[in-house]
PDB file of N, CA and C in Angstrom:
ATOM      1  N   MET A   1       9.614  15.366 -15.713  1.00  0.00           N
ATOM      2  CA  MET A   1       9.279  13.997 -15.355  1.00  0.00           C
ATOM      3  C   MET A   1      10.498  13.119 -15.605  1.00  0.00           C
ATOM      4  N   LYS A   2      10.860  12.343 -14.590  1.00  0.00           N
ATOM      5  CA  LYS A   2      11.980  11.410 -14.726  1.00  0.00           C
ATOM      6  C   LYS A   2      11.523  10.174 -15.494  1.00  0.00           C
ATOM      7  N   LYS A   3      12.459   9.578 -16.192  1.00  0.00           N
ATOM      8  CA  LYS A   3      12.202   8.322 -16.899  1.00  0.00           C
ATOM      9  C   LYS A   3      13.068   7.236 -16.287  1.00  0.00           C
ATOM     10  N   ALA A   4      12.604   5.999 -16.391  1.00  0.00           N
ATOM     11  CA  ALA A   4      13.382   4.872 -15.903  1.00  0.00           C
ATOM     12  C   ALA A   4      14.663   4.754 -16.722  1.00  0.00           C
ATOM     13  N   VAL A   5      15.730   4.374 -16.058  1.00  0.00           N
ATOM     14  CA  VAL A   5      17.011   4.173 -16.745  1.00  0.00           C
ATOM     15  C   VAL A   5      16.906   2.979 -17.689  1.00  0.00           C
ATOM     16  N   GLY A   6      16.223   1.943 -17.248  1.00  0.00           N
ATOM     17  CA  GLY A   6      16.042   0.749 -18.068  1.00  0.00           C
ATOM     18  C   GLY A   6      14.801   0.001 -17.638  1.00  0.00           C
ATOM     19  N   VAL A   7      14.072  -0.502 -18.610  1.00  0.00           N
ATOM     20  CA  VAL A   7      12.881  -1.300 -18.322  1.00  0.00           C
ATOM     21  C   VAL A   7      12.936  -2.532 -19.214  1.00  0.00           C
ATOM     22  N   GLU A   8      12.844  -3.689 -18.584  1.00  0.00           N
ATOM     23  CA  GLU A   8      12.866  -4.925 -19.360  1.00  0.00           C
ATOM     24  C   GLU A   8      11.496  -5.120 -20.000  1.00  0.00           C
ATOM     25  N   PRO A   9      11.453  -5.332 -21.323  1.00  0.00           N
ATOM     26  CA  PRO A   9      10.178  -5.404 -22.050  1.00  0.00           C
ATOM     27  C   PRO A   9       9.199  -6.445 -21.508  1.00  0.00           C
ATOM     28  N   ASP A  10       9.692  -7.607 -21.102  1.00  0.00           N
ATOM     29  CA  ASP A  10       8.774  -8.635 -20.603  1.00  0.00           C
ATOM     30  C   ASP A  10       8.166  -8.227 -19.262  1.00  0.00           C
ATOM     31  N   ILE A  11       8.936  -7.542 -18.437  1.00  0.00           N
ATOM     32  CA  ILE A  11       8.418  -7.063 -17.148  1.00  0.00           C
ATOM     33  C   ILE A  11       7.395  -5.961 -17.393  1.00  0.00           C
ATOM     34  N   LYS A  12       7.688  -5.069 -18.305  1.00  0.00           N
ATOM     35  CA  LYS A  12       6.734  -4.002 -18.632  1.00  0.00           C
ATOM     36  C   LYS A  12       5.417  -4.603 -19.124  1.00  0.00           C
ATOM     37  N   SER A  13       5.521  -5.585 -19.989  1.00  0.00           N
ATOM     38  CA  SER A  13       4.322  -6.245 -20.527  1.00  0.00           C
ATOM     39  C   SER A  13       3.510  -6.914 -19.415  1.00  0.00           C
ATOM     40  N   ARG A  14       4.208  -7.626 -18.523  1.00  0.00           N
ATOM     41  CA  ARG A  14       3.524  -8.279 -17.396  1.00  0.00           C
ATOM     42  C   ARG A  14       2.823  -7.255 -16.506  1.00  0.00           C
ATOM     43  N   ASN A  15       3.519  -6.162 -16.215  1.00  0.00           N
ATOM     44  CA  ASN A  15       2.923  -5.130 -15.359  1.00  0.00           C
ATOM     45  C   ASN A  15       1.698  -4.499 -16.012  1.00  0.00           C
ATOM     46  N   LEU A  16       1.781  -4.228 -17.312  1.00  0.00           N
ATOM     47  CA  LEU A  16       0.626  -3.650 -17.997  1.00  0.00           C
ATOM     48  C   LEU A  16      -0.563  -4.604 -17.978  1.00  0.00           C
ATOM     49  N   LYS A  17      -0.307  -5.897 -18.184  1.00  0.00           N
ATOM     50  CA  LYS A  17      -1.392  -6.889 -18.122  1.00  0.00           C
ATOM     51  C   LYS A  17      -2.002  -6.928 -16.728  1.00  0.00           C
ATOM     52  N   ARG A  18      -1.158  -6.920 -15.705  1.00  0.00           N
ATOM     53  CA  ARG A  18      -1.660  -6.926 -14.334  1.00  0.00           C
ATOM     54  C   ARG A  18      -2.500  -5.686 -14.048  1.00  0.00           C
ATOM     55  N   LEU A  19      -2.012  -4.529 -14.495  1.00  0.00           N
ATOM     56  CA  LEU A  19      -2.736  -3.286 -14.235  1.00  0.00           C
ATOM     57  C   LEU A  19      -4.079  -3.259 -14.958  1.00  0.00           C
ATOM     58  N   ARG A  20      -4.141  -3.812 -16.144  1.00  0.00           N
ATOM     59  CA  ARG A  20      -5.429  -3.901 -16.850  1.00  0.00           C
ATOM     60  C   ARG A  20      -6.382  -4.833 -16.111  1.00  0.00           C
ATOM     61  N   ARG A  21      -5.847  -5.925 -15.591  1.00  0.00           N
ATOM     62  CA  ARG A  21      -6.661  -6.859 -14.810  1.00  0.00           C
ATOM     63  C   ARG A  21      -7.166  -6.173 -13.538  1.00  0.00           C
ATOM     64  N   ILE A  22      -6.287  -5.416 -12.892  1.00  0.00           N
ATOM     65  CA  ILE A  22      -6.658  -4.678 -11.679  1.00  0.00           C
ATOM     66  C   ILE A  22      -7.755  -3.666 -12.002  1.00  0.00           C
ATOM     67  N   GLU A  23      -7.612  -2.993 -13.130  1.00  0.00           N
ATOM     68  CA  GLU A  23      -8.632  -2.028 -13.547  1.00  0.00           C
ATOM     69  C   GLU A  23      -9.996  -2.712 -13.661  1.00  0.00           C
ATOM     70  N   GLY A  24     -10.007  -3.900 -14.233  1.00  0.00           N
ATOM     71  CA  GLY A  24     -11.248  -4.674 -14.336  1.00  0.00           C
ATOM     72  C   GLY A  24     -11.783  -5.069 -12.968  1.00  0.00           C
ATOM     73  N   GLN A  25     -10.879  -5.452 -12.068  1.00  0.00           N
ATOM     74  CA  GLN A  25     -11.298  -5.813 -10.718  1.00  0.00           C
ATOM     75  C   GLN A  25     -11.927  -4.620 -10.005  1.00  0.00           C
ATOM     76  N   VAL A  26     -11.355  -3.438 -10.186  1.00  0.00           N
ATOM     77  CA  VAL A  26     -11.898  -2.242  -9.534  1.00  0.00           C
ATOM     78  C   VAL A  26     -13.278  -1.915 -10.110  1.00  0.00           C
ATOM     79  N   ARG A  27     -13.445  -2.055 -11.415  1.00  0.00           N
ATOM     80  CA  ARG A  27     -14.785  -1.849 -11.995  1.00  0.00           C
ATOM     81  C   ARG A  27     -15.772  -2.859 -11.409  1.00  0.00           C
ATOM     82  N   GLY A  28     -15.299  -4.105 -11.207  1.00  0.00           N
ATOM     83  CA  GLY A  28     -16.148  -5.121 -10.584  1.00  0.00           C
ATOM     84  C   GLY A  28     -16.526  -4.739  -9.155  1.00  0.00           C
ATOM     85  N   LEU A  29     -15.584  -4.152  -8.431  1.00  0.00           N
ATOM     86  CA  LEU A  29     -15.875  -3.683  -7.072  1.00  0.00           C
ATOM     87  C   LEU A  29     -16.937  -2.591  -7.083  1.00  0.00           C
ATOM     88  N   GLN A  30     -16.829  -1.677  -8.028  1.00  0.00           N
ATOM     89  CA  GLN A  30     -17.835  -0.619  -8.127  1.00  0.00           C
ATOM     90  C   GLN A  30     -19.215  -1.218  -8.351  1.00  0.00           C
ATOM     91  N   LYS A  31     -19.281  -2.199  -9.222  1.00  0.00           N
ATOM     92  CA  LYS A  31     -20.561  -2.852  -9.514  1.00  0.00           C
ATOM     93  C   LYS A  31     -21.098  -3.573  -8.275  1.00  0.00           C
ATOM     94  N   MET A  32     -20.204  -4.236  -7.546  1.00  0.00           N
ATOM     95  CA  MET A  32     -20.621  -4.936  -6.326  1.00  0.00           C
ATOM     96  C   MET A  32     -21.215  -3.957  -5.311  1.00  0.00           C
ATOM     97  N   VAL A  33     -20.583  -2.797  -5.170  1.00  0.00           N
ATOM     98  CA  VAL A  33     -21.083  -1.791  -4.229  1.00  0.00           C
ATOM     99  C   VAL A  33     -22.428  -1.259  -4.712  1.00  0.00           C
ATOM    100  N   GLU A  34     -22.525  -0.970  -6.013  1.00  0.00           N
ATOM    101  CA  GLU A  34     -23.789  -0.484  -6.573  1.00  0.00           C
ATOM    102  C   GLU A  34     -24.928  -1.481  -6.340  1.00  0.00           C
ATOM    103  N   GLU A  35     -24.601  -2.760  -6.396  1.00  0.00           N
ATOM    104  CA  GLU A  35     -25.612  -3.821  -6.259  1.00  0.00           C
ATOM    105  C   GLU A  35     -25.844  -4.235  -4.811  1.00  0.00           C
ATOM    106  N   ASP A  36     -25.210  -3.512  -3.872  1.00  0.00           N
ATOM    107  CA  ASP A  36     -25.348  -3.834  -2.442  1.00  0.00           C
ATOM    108  C   ASP A  36     -24.985  -5.276  -2.129  1.00  0.00           C
ATOM    109  N   ARG A  37     -23.893  -5.742  -2.724  1.00  0.00           N
ATOM    110  CA  ARG A  37     -23.432  -7.105  -2.466  1.00  0.00           C
ATOM    111  C   ARG A  37     -22.971  -7.232  -1.028  1.00  0.00           C
ATOM    112  N   TYR A  38     -22.860  -8.449  -0.581  1.00  0.00           N
ATOM    113  CA  TYR A  38     -22.466  -8.768   0.790  1.00  0.00           C
ATOM    114  C   TYR A  38     -21.073  -8.192   1.066  1.00  0.00           C
ATOM    115  N   CYS A  39     -20.961  -7.489   2.189  1.00  0.00           N
ATOM    116  CA  CYS A  39     -19.717  -6.775   2.529  1.00  0.00           C
ATOM    117  C   CYS A  39     -18.488  -7.689   2.536  1.00  0.00           C
ATOM    118  N   ALA A  40     -18.631  -8.881   3.083  1.00  0.00           N
ATOM    119  CA  ALA A  40     -17.484  -9.793   3.163  1.00  0.00           C
ATOM    120  C   ALA A  40     -16.978 -10.162   1.770  1.00  0.00           C
ATOM    121  N   GLU A  41     -17.884 -10.310   0.799  1.00  0.00           N
ATOM    122  CA  GLU A  41     -17.475 -10.612  -0.572  1.00  0.00           C
ATOM    123  C   GLU A  41     -16.702  -9.443  -1.178  1.00  0.00           C
ATOM    124  N   ILE A  42     -17.169  -8.227  -0.909  1.00  0.00           N
ATOM    125  CA  ILE A  42     -16.482  -7.041  -1.421  1.00  0.00           C
ATOM    126  C   ILE A  42     -15.096  -6.939  -0.798  1.00  0.00           C
ATOM    127  N   MET A  43     -15.003  -7.164   0.497  1.00  0.00           N
ATOM    128  CA  MET A  43     -13.711  -7.086   1.189  1.00  0.00           C
ATOM    129  C   MET A  43     -12.730  -8.119   0.645  1.00  0.00           C
ATOM    130  N   THR A  44     -13.220  -9.304   0.300  1.00  0.00           N
ATOM    131  CA  THR A  44     -12.365 -10.334  -0.286  1.00  0.00           C
ATOM    132  C   THR A  44     -11.800  -9.852  -1.614  1.00  0.00           C
ATOM    133  N   GLN A  45     -12.639  -9.213  -2.425  1.00  0.00           N
ATOM    134  CA  GLN A  45     -12.178  -8.695  -3.710  1.00  0.00           C
ATOM    135  C   GLN A  45     -11.201  -7.535  -3.526  1.00  0.00           C
ATOM    136  N   ILE A  46     -11.422  -6.713  -2.512  1.00  0.00           N
ATOM    137  CA  ILE A  46     -10.492  -5.617  -2.216  1.00  0.00           C
ATOM    138  C   ILE A  46      -9.128  -6.192  -1.855  1.00  0.00           C
ATOM    139  N   SER A  47      -9.094  -7.270  -1.083  1.00  0.00           N
ATOM    140  CA  SER A  47      -7.823  -7.919  -0.741  1.00  0.00           C
ATOM    141  C   SER A  47      -7.108  -8.416  -1.990  1.00  0.00           C
ATOM    142  N   SER A  48      -7.857  -8.935  -2.938  1.00  0.00           N
ATOM    143  CA  SER A  48      -7.267  -9.403  -4.189  1.00  0.00           C
ATOM    144  C   SER A  48      -6.626  -8.249  -4.963  1.00  0.00           C
ATOM    145  N   VAL A  49      -7.308  -7.104  -4.979  1.00  0.00           N
ATOM    146  CA  VAL A  49      -6.764  -5.928  -5.671  1.00  0.00           C
ATOM    147  C   VAL A  49      -5.489  -5.452  -4.971  1.00  0.00           C
ATOM    148  N   HIS A  50      -5.514  -5.421  -3.645  1.00  0.00           N
ATOM    149  CA  HIS A  50      -4.321  -5.023  -2.888  1.00  0.00           C
ATOM    150  C   HIS A  50      -3.131  -5.918  -3.236  1.00  0.00           C
ATOM    151  N   GLU A  51      -3.344  -7.216  -3.258  1.00  0.00           N
ATOM    152  CA  GLU A  51      -2.255  -8.147  -3.542  1.00  0.00           C
ATOM    153  C   GLU A  51      -1.744  -7.972  -4.971  1.00  0.00           C
ATOM    154  N   ALA A  52      -2.655  -7.752  -5.902  1.00  0.00           N
ATOM    155  CA  ALA A  52      -2.250  -7.538  -7.290  1.00  0.00           C
ATOM    156  C   ALA A  52      -1.418  -6.265  -7.416  1.00  0.00           C
ATOM    157  N   LEU A  53      -1.809  -5.209  -6.724  1.00  0.00           N
ATOM    158  CA  LEU A  53      -1.030  -3.969  -6.742  1.00  0.00           C
ATOM    159  C   LEU A  53       0.335  -4.165  -6.091  1.00  0.00           C
ATOM    160  N   ARG A  54       0.378  -4.945  -5.016  1.00  0.00           N
ATOM    161  CA  ARG A  54       1.674  -5.230  -4.376  1.00  0.00           C
ATOM    162  C   ARG A  54       2.596  -5.978  -5.332  1.00  0.00           C
ATOM    163  N   ALA A  55       2.040  -6.881  -6.136  1.00  0.00           N
ATOM    164  CA  ALA A  55       2.854  -7.625  -7.101  1.00  0.00           C
ATOM    165  C   ALA A  55       3.464  -6.678  -8.134  1.00  0.00           C
ATOM    166  N   VAL A  56       2.675  -5.723  -8.611  1.00  0.00           N
ATOM    167  CA  VAL A  56       3.204  -4.736  -9.551  1.00  0.00           C
ATOM    168  C   VAL A  56       4.282  -3.905  -8.853  1.00  0.00           C
ATOM    169  N   GLY A  57       4.028  -3.506  -7.624  1.00  0.00           N
ATOM    170  CA  GLY A  57       5.001  -2.725  -6.865  1.00  0.00           C
ATOM    171  C   GLY A  57       6.316  -3.455  -6.680  1.00  0.00           C
ATOM    172  N   ARG A  58       6.246  -4.754  -6.406  1.00  0.00           N
ATOM    173  CA  ARG A  58       7.479  -5.545  -6.255  1.00  0.00           C
ATOM    174  C   ARG A  58       8.277  -5.561  -7.553  1.00  0.00           C
ATOM    175  N   GLU A  59       7.590  -5.750  -8.668  1.00  0.00           N
ATOM    176  CA  GLU A  59       8.278  -5.749  -9.968  1.00  0.00           C
ATOM    177  C   GLU A  59       8.924  -4.393 -10.232  1.00  0.00           C
ATOM    178  N   LEU A  60       8.196  -3.321  -9.929  1.00  0.00           N
ATOM    179  CA  LEU A  60       8.735  -1.984 -10.159  1.00  0.00           C
ATOM    180  C   LEU A  60       9.926  -1.709  -9.250  1.00  0.00           C
ATOM    181  N   MET A  61       9.832  -2.140  -8.000  1.00  0.00           N
ATOM    182  CA  MET A  61      10.945  -1.943  -7.068  1.00  0.00           C
ATOM    183  C   MET A  61      12.173  -2.704  -7.552  1.00  0.00           C
ATOM    184  N   ARG A  62      11.984  -3.924  -8.007  1.00  0.00           N
ATOM    185  CA  ARG A  62      13.106  -4.728  -8.516  1.00  0.00           C
ATOM    186  C   ARG A  62      13.753  -4.021  -9.703  1.00  0.00           C
ATOM    187  N   ASN A  63      12.923  -3.522 -10.628  1.00  0.00           N
ATOM    188  CA  ASN A  63      13.442  -2.819 -11.791  1.00  0.00           C
ATOM    189  C   ASN A  63      14.186  -1.553 -11.362  1.00  0.00           C
ATOM    190  N   HIS A  64      13.625  -0.831 -10.405  1.00  0.00           N
ATOM    191  CA  HIS A  64      14.248   0.405  -9.931  1.00  0.00           C
ATOM    192  C   HIS A  64      15.622   0.110  -9.324  1.00  0.00           C
ATOM    193  N   LEU A  65      15.699  -0.943  -8.525  1.00  0.00           N
ATOM    194  CA  LEU A  65      16.977  -1.303  -7.916  1.00  0.00           C
ATOM    195  C   LEU A  65      17.987  -1.767  -8.969  1.00  0.00           C
ATOM    196  N   LYS A  66      17.505  -2.580  -9.898  1.00  0.00           N
ATOM    197  CA  LYS A  66      18.394  -3.171 -10.903  1.00  0.00           C
ATOM    198  C   LYS A  66      18.954  -2.128 -11.870  1.00  0.00           C
ATOM    199  N   HIS A  67      18.138  -1.176 -12.259  1.00  0.00           N
ATOM    200  CA  HIS A  67      18.563  -0.231 -13.290  1.00  0.00           C
ATOM    201  C   HIS A  67      18.828   1.170 -12.731  1.00  0.00           C
ATOM    202  N   CYS A  68      17.799   1.812 -12.219  1.00  0.00           N
ATOM    203  CA  CYS A  68      17.902   3.220 -11.809  1.00  0.00           C
ATOM    204  C   CYS A  68      18.852   3.401 -10.633  1.00  0.00           C
ATOM    205  N   ALA A  69      18.647   2.622  -9.578  1.00  0.00           N
ATOM    206  CA  ALA A  69      19.491   2.767  -8.387  1.00  0.00           C
ATOM    207  C   ALA A  69      20.931   2.373  -8.688  1.00  0.00           C
ATOM    208  N   THR A  70      21.126   1.284  -9.403  1.00  0.00           N
ATOM    209  CA  THR A  70      22.472   0.835  -9.736  1.00  0.00           C
ATOM    210  C   THR A  70      23.219   1.899 -10.531  1.00  0.00           C
ATOM    211  N   ALA A  71      22.551   2.502 -11.511  1.00  0.00           N
ATOM    212  CA  ALA A  71      23.195   3.536 -12.327  1.00  0.00           C
ATOM    213  C   ALA A  71      23.563   4.750 -11.474  1.00  0.00           C
ATOM    214  N   ALA A  72      22.670   5.176 -10.599  1.00  0.00           N
ATOM    215  CA  ALA A  72      22.947   6.349  -9.758  1.00  0.00           C
ATOM    216  C   ALA A  72      24.089   6.075  -8.789  1.00  0.00           C
ATOM    217  N   ILE A  73      24.094   4.891  -8.209  1.00  0.00           N
ATOM    218  CA  ILE A  73      25.130   4.554  -7.236  1.00  0.00           C
ATOM    219  C   ILE A  73      26.490   4.428  -7.925  1.00  0.00           C
ATOM    220  N   LYS A  74      26.519   3.829  -9.105  1.00  0.00           N
ATOM    221  CA  LYS A  74      27.773   3.717  -9.848  1.00  0.00           C
ATOM    222  C   LYS A  74      28.293   5.086 -10.268  1.00  0.00           C
ATOM    223  N   HIS A  75      27.382   5.977 -10.607  1.00  0.00           N
ATOM    224  CA  HIS A  75      27.765   7.310 -11.079  1.00  0.00           C
ATOM    225  C   HIS A  75      28.414   8.123  -9.972  1.00  0.00           C
ATOM    226  N   GLY A  76      27.949   7.909  -8.740  1.00  0.00           N
ATOM    227  CA  GLY A  76      28.505   8.655  -7.609  1.00  0.00           C
ATOM    228  C   GLY A  76      28.168  10.124  -7.715  1.00  0.00           C
ATOM    229  N   ASP A  77      29.100  11.002  -7.352  1.00  0.00           N
ATOM    230  CA  ASP A  77      28.954  12.444  -7.547  1.00  0.00           C
ATOM    231  C   ASP A  77      27.690  13.010  -6.891  1.00  0.00           C
ATOM    232  N   GLY A  78      27.347  12.546  -5.715  1.00  0.00           N
ATOM    233  CA  GLY A  78      26.155  13.034  -5.028  1.00  0.00           C
ATOM    234  C   GLY A  78      24.887  12.302  -5.424  1.00  0.00           C
ATOM    235  N   LYS A  79      24.897  11.678  -6.607  1.00  0.00           N
ATOM    236  CA  LYS A  79      23.708  10.930  -7.040  1.00  0.00           C
ATOM    237  C   LYS A  79      23.496   9.699  -6.168  1.00  0.00           C
ATOM    238  N   ALA A  80      24.573   9.118  -5.681  1.00  0.00           N
ATOM    239  CA  ALA A  80      24.457   7.932  -4.834  1.00  0.00           C
ATOM    240  C   ALA A  80      23.738   8.284  -3.540  1.00  0.00           C
ATOM    241  N   ASP A  81      24.133   9.382  -2.892  1.00  0.00           N
ATOM    242  CA  ASP A  81      23.486   9.769  -1.641  1.00  0.00           C
ATOM    243  C   ASP A  81      22.012  10.087  -1.857  1.00  0.00           C
ATOM    244  N   ALA A  82      21.704  10.764  -2.958  1.00  0.00           N
ATOM    245  CA  ALA A  82      20.303  11.073  -3.267  1.00  0.00           C
ATOM    246  C   ALA A  82      19.508   9.787  -3.483  1.00  0.00           C
ATOM    247  N   MET A  83      20.125   8.809  -4.132  1.00  0.00           N
ATOM    248  CA  MET A  83      19.448   7.538  -4.377  1.00  0.00           C
ATOM    249  C   MET A  83      19.237   6.777  -3.076  1.00  0.00           C
ATOM    250  N   TYR A  84      20.234   6.789  -2.197  1.00  0.00           N
ATOM    251  CA  TYR A  84      20.059   6.124  -0.901  1.00  0.00           C
ATOM    252  C   TYR A  84      18.871   6.730  -0.168  1.00  0.00           C
ATOM    253  N   ASP A  85      18.792   8.060  -0.163  1.00  0.00           N
ATOM    254  CA  ASP A  85      17.660   8.731   0.500  1.00  0.00           C
ATOM    255  C   ASP A  85      16.338   8.342  -0.147  1.00  0.00           C
ATOM    256  N   GLU A  86      16.320   8.302  -1.471  1.00  0.00           N
ATOM    257  CA  GLU A  86      15.099   7.925  -2.180  1.00  0.00           C
ATOM    258  C   GLU A  86      14.680   6.499  -1.827  1.00  0.00           C
ATOM    259  N   LEU A  87      15.634   5.578  -1.799  1.00  0.00           N
ATOM    260  CA  LEU A  87      15.331   4.178  -1.495  1.00  0.00           C
ATOM    261  C   LEU A  87      14.800   4.020  -0.073  1.00  0.00           C
ATOM    262  N   VAL A  88      15.420   4.712   0.867  1.00  0.00           N
ATOM    263  CA  VAL A  88      14.951   4.637   2.256  1.00  0.00           C
ATOM    264  C   VAL A  88      13.523   5.171   2.344  1.00  0.00           C
ATOM    265  N   GLU A  89      13.264   6.287   1.681  1.00  0.00           N
ATOM    266  CA  GLU A  89      11.919   6.868   1.697  1.00  0.00           C
ATOM    267  C   GLU A  89      10.896   5.924   1.050  1.00  0.00           C
ATOM    268  N   MET A  90      11.280   5.296  -0.063  1.00  0.00           N
ATOM    269  CA  MET A  90      10.381   4.350  -0.727  1.00  0.00           C
ATOM    270  C   MET A  90      10.075   3.160   0.172  1.00  0.00           C
ATOM    271  N   MET A  91      11.109   2.631   0.812  1.00  0.00           N
ATOM    272  CA  MET A  91      10.886   1.475   1.697  1.00  0.00           C
ATOM    273  C   MET A  91       9.973   1.856   2.857  1.00  0.00           C
ATOM    274  N   TYR A  92      10.169   3.040   3.401  1.00  0.00           N
ATOM    275  CA  TYR A  92       9.339   3.491   4.514  1.00  0.00           C
ATOM    276  C   TYR A  92       7.887   3.649   4.085  1.00  0.00           C
ATOM    277  N   LYS A  93       7.671   4.316   2.967  1.00  0.00           N
ATOM    278  CA  LYS A  93       6.312   4.562   2.469  1.00  0.00           C
ATOM    279  C   LYS A  93       5.587   3.277   2.110  1.00  0.00           C
ATOM    280  N   HIS A  94       6.299   2.356   1.469  1.00  0.00           N
ATOM    281  CA  HIS A  94       5.646   1.182   0.917  1.00  0.00           C
ATOM    282  C   HIS A  94       5.632  -0.020   1.857  1.00  0.00           C
ATOM    283  N   SER A  95       6.178   0.146   3.045  1.00  0.00           N
ATOM    284  CA  SER A  95       6.142  -0.973   4.002  1.00  0.00           C
ATOM    285  C   SER A  95       4.932  -0.874   4.931  1.00  0.00           C
ATOM    286  N   ARG A  96       4.162   0.150   4.768  1.00  0.00           N
ATOM    287  CA  ARG A  96       2.965   0.326   5.629  1.00  0.00           C
ATOM    288  C   ARG A  96       1.842  -0.567   5.197  1.00  0.00           C
TER     289      ARG A  96
END
């Protein structure tokens, strides 16, 4: 398992708080489905979860570029090309 080259403590803390909030939102969605709540209300909550996950993803991408990608690109020696490929693949996957 790879580890991040660097993680800023305040960003890590923010992401963990967001993920805990998202976890609560997902439990709320389960309850809404169990209770046969109105579909439009459930869909609105699903959109909120999607946006919250995107916010965490943006923070992680920023951290990856700032620390992991920068270190690999500076190191060179084939690591730069591998990182470029990884970044392109990440952008492709996460832009859908």
